Amino acid sequence: MRRVASQSDARRTGLELTELGQRHGAAIRAYKWGIFAEAPGDWPEDDLVTFARLFQRFSGWMTEAKAKAGKG
């Protein structure tokens, strides 16, 4: 992390990831997605279809919630 000056208000300081932080974040996401992809490996097809439908619904809810909060 590093501090950066706010472009909209000189009194504020923001934080942003350094290049090393971005690499760490990418490695963590890759690991998490790898675990996530393996988890349903032996599920019956009906369960996979149900999970995919519900996960899509959940993802849509997250997108809507971010937009309502002004973060999307």
Protein backbone atom coordinates (compact mmCIF):
# COMPACT_ATOMS: atom_id res chain seq x y z
CA MET A 1 0.00 0.00 0.00
CA ARG A 2 1.03 3.56 -0.58
CA ARG A 3 -0.56 6.88 0.18
CA VAL A 4 -1.73 9.04 -2.69
CA ALA A 5 -3.16 12.53 -2.75
CA SER A 6 -6.84 12.83 -3.52
CA GLN A 7 -7.48 14.36 -6.93
CA SER A 8 -10.77 15.86 -5.76
CA ASP A 9 -9.77 17.20 -2.33
CA ALA A 10 -6.20 18.13 -1.39
CA ARG A 11 -7.03 17.65 2.30
CA ARG A 12 -7.64 13.94 1.78
CA THR A 13 -5.21 11.10 1.38
CA GLY A 14 -6.07 7.87 -0.36
CA LEU A 15 -4.48 4.46 -0.42
CA GLU A 16 -3.64 2.34 -3.42
CA LEU A 17 -1.98 -0.98 -3.95
CA THR A 18 1.64 -1.05 -4.98
CA GLU A 19 2.69 -3.32 -7.83
CA LEU A 20 3.74 -5.93 -5.26
CA GLY A 21 0.33 -5.62 -3.55
CA GLN A 22 -1.41 -6.10 -6.90
CA ARG A 23 0.64 -9.26 -7.55
CA HIS A 24 -0.21 -10.61 -4.11
CA GLY A 25 -3.89 -9.86 -4.70
CA ALA A 26 -3.81 -11.62 -8.06
CA ALA A 27 -2.12 -14.67 -6.53
CA ILE A 28 -4.71 -14.83 -3.75
CA ARG A 29 -7.59 -14.56 -6.24
CA ALA A 30 -6.07 -17.29 -8.44
CA TYR A 31 -5.71 -19.57 -5.41
CA LYS A 32 -9.26 -18.90 -4.24
CA TRP A 33 -10.70 -19.54 -7.73
CA GLY A 34 -8.67 -22.74 -7.97
CA ILE A 35 -10.15 -24.01 -4.70
CA PHE A 36 -13.59 -22.82 -5.75
CA ALA A 37 -13.34 -24.63 -9.10
CA GLU A 38 -12.34 -27.92 -7.47
CA ALA A 39 -15.07 -27.94 -4.81
CA PRO A 40 -18.02 -29.05 -6.95
CA GLY A 41 -15.93 -31.47 -9.02
CA ASP A 42 -17.90 -34.55 -7.99
CA TRP A 43 -21.35 -32.99 -7.62
CA PRO A 44 -24.24 -34.46 -9.60
CA GLU A 45 -25.23 -32.46 -12.69
CA ASP A 46 -28.56 -31.39 -11.16
CA ASP A 47 -26.68 -29.86 -8.22
CA LEU A 48 -24.31 -28.03 -10.56
CA VAL A 49 -27.23 -26.57 -12.53
CA THR A 50 -28.93 -25.44 -9.31
CA PHE A 51 -25.71 -23.97 -7.96
CA ALA A 52 -25.00 -22.10 -11.20
CA ARG A 53 -28.51 -20.63 -11.22
CA LEU A 54 -28.29 -19.52 -7.58
CA PHE A 55 -24.75 -18.21 -7.95
CA GLN A 56 -25.83 -16.12 -10.94
CA ARG A 57 -28.70 -14.74 -8.88
CA PHE A 58 -26.34 -13.94 -6.00
CA SER A 59 -23.87 -12.24 -8.35
CA GLY A 60 -26.67 -10.10 -9.76
CA TRP A 61 -27.69 -9.10 -6.25
CA MET A 62 -24.09 -8.09 -5.45
CA THR A 63 -23.90 -5.96 -8.59
CA GLU A 64 -27.19 -4.26 -7.74
CA ALA A 65 -26.14 -3.67 -4.12
CA LYS A 66 -22.87 -2.04 -5.24
CA ALA A 67 -24.72 0.18 -7.71
CA LYS A 68 -27.20 1.28 -5.03
CA ALA A 69 -24.31 2.09 -2.70
CA GLY A 70 -22.70 4.17 -5.44
CA LYS A 71 -19.71 1.83 -5.73
CA GLY A 72 -20.50 0.14 -9.03
